[in-house]
Amino acid sequence: MKRAKPLHQYRLRDCDQIPTGRVTLPEVMNDPKFALGVADARAGRGYPAGYDSWADDLWAYERGRQWAQIAPRSVPLKIHRKLNPQALRYGADLL
């Protein structure tokens, strides 16, 4: 019986972890998917259509939803399109 071609060339087995890299908190929190996760969680919305196919964007969205559970609603993510320093303090445990 012929083996099926792996889904991703860098995986040897289905249980192998994909390659990872370092990322900073501001990089994560500036991601538009992070802001979408925050907005969805604060509005009490479920997951958007196509969520499971977002690949790398999924991490930022999930972290945004988590941040929204940690930070008080009175703390905005950004002020004048810049990350709120207070928001960064609440995000320290997300990485």
Protein backbone atom coordinates (compact mmCIF):
# COMPACT_ATOMS: atom_id res chain seq x y z
CA MET A 1 0.00 0.00 0.00
CA LYS A 2 1.35 3.42 -0.98
CA ARG A 3 1.70 6.02 1.82
CA ALA A 4 -0.13 9.29 1.42
CA LYS A 5 1.99 12.39 0.85
CA PRO A 6 2.42 14.39 4.08
CA LEU A 7 0.31 17.53 4.46
CA HIS A 8 3.38 19.70 4.99
CA GLN A 9 6.84 19.00 3.68
CA TYR A 10 8.53 19.91 6.97
CA ARG A 11 6.58 17.33 8.99
CA LEU A 12 7.95 13.84 9.24
CA ARG A 13 4.89 12.54 11.08
CA ASP A 14 1.45 14.04 11.72
CA CYS A 15 2.32 14.50 15.41
CA ASP A 16 5.48 16.56 14.72
CA GLN A 17 5.36 20.20 15.72
CA ILE A 18 5.72 22.85 13.05
CA PRO A 19 8.76 25.16 13.12
CA THR A 20 8.41 28.08 15.52
CA GLY A 21 10.11 31.43 15.93
CA ARG A 22 10.40 34.21 18.46
CA VAL A 23 7.86 37.00 18.50
CA THR A 24 7.52 40.12 20.64
CA LEU A 25 4.42 41.15 22.52
CA PRO A 26 3.97 44.38 20.50
CA GLU A 27 4.20 42.35 17.26
CA VAL A 28 1.41 40.07 18.46
CA MET A 29 -0.78 42.86 19.83
CA ASN A 30 -0.42 44.98 16.67
CA ASP A 31 -1.70 42.14 14.50
CA PRO A 32 -5.18 42.90 13.06
CA LYS A 33 -6.33 39.38 13.98
CA PHE A 34 -5.41 40.09 17.61
CA ALA A 35 -7.68 43.15 17.58
CA LEU A 36 -10.43 41.08 15.95
CA GLY A 37 -10.11 38.47 18.71
CA VAL A 38 -10.41 41.22 21.33
CA ALA A 39 -13.46 42.73 19.63
CA ASP A 40 -15.19 39.36 19.21
CA ALA A 41 -14.56 38.33 22.82
CA ARG A 42 -15.67 41.67 24.26
CA ALA A 43 -18.84 41.59 22.13
CA GLY A 44 -19.59 38.01 23.20
CA ARG A 45 -19.39 36.72 19.63
CA GLY A 46 -18.38 33.20 18.71
CA TYR A 47 -15.68 32.27 16.23
CA PRO A 48 -15.96 33.71 12.70
CA ALA A 49 -16.53 31.62 9.60
CA GLY A 50 -13.32 30.17 8.19
CA TYR A 51 -11.55 30.51 11.55
CA ASP A 52 -10.08 27.02 11.36
CA SER A 53 -8.29 27.78 8.08
CA TRP A 54 -6.40 30.89 9.22
CA ALA A 55 -3.11 29.01 9.91
CA ASP A 56 -0.66 31.48 11.53
CA ASP A 57 -3.32 34.16 12.09
CA LEU A 58 -5.10 31.78 14.41
CA TRP A 59 -2.52 32.35 17.16
CA ALA A 60 -2.94 36.13 17.16
CA TYR A 61 -6.74 35.83 17.17
CA GLU A 62 -6.70 33.37 20.09
CA ARG A 63 -4.32 35.57 22.05
CA GLY A 64 -6.63 38.52 21.43
CA ARG A 65 -9.56 36.57 22.86
CA GLN A 66 -7.45 35.60 25.87
CA TRP A 67 -6.28 39.16 26.42
CA ALA A 68 -9.91 40.33 26.39
CA GLN A 69 -10.61 37.96 29.30
CA ILE A 70 -7.66 39.27 31.32
CA ALA A 71 -7.83 43.03 30.70
CA PRO A 72 -10.70 45.10 32.10
CA ARG A 73 -13.09 46.47 29.47
CA SER A 74 -12.04 49.98 30.51
CA VAL A 75 -8.53 49.32 29.11
CA PRO A 76 -8.47 50.02 25.37
CA LEU A 77 -6.07 48.02 23.24
CA LYS A 78 -4.87 51.13 21.41
CA ILE A 79 -4.95 54.88 21.93
CA HIS A 80 -4.56 57.02 18.80
CA ARG A 81 -3.58 53.88 16.82
CA LYS A 82 -0.71 53.09 19.20
CA LEU A 83 -0.65 50.26 21.71
CA ASN A 84 -1.82 51.38 25.11
CA PRO A 85 1.05 50.86 27.62
CA GLN A 86 -1.49 49.63 30.17
CA ALA A 87 -2.75 47.06 27.62
CA LEU A 88 0.81 45.79 27.16
CA ARG A 89 1.05 45.12 30.90
CA TYR A 90 -2.04 42.90 30.73
CA GLY A 91 -0.59 41.10 27.74
CA ALA A 92 2.68 40.10 29.39
CA ASP A 93 1.42 36.57 30.16
CA LEU A 94 0.22 35.82 26.63
CA LEU A 95 3.58 34.78 25.18
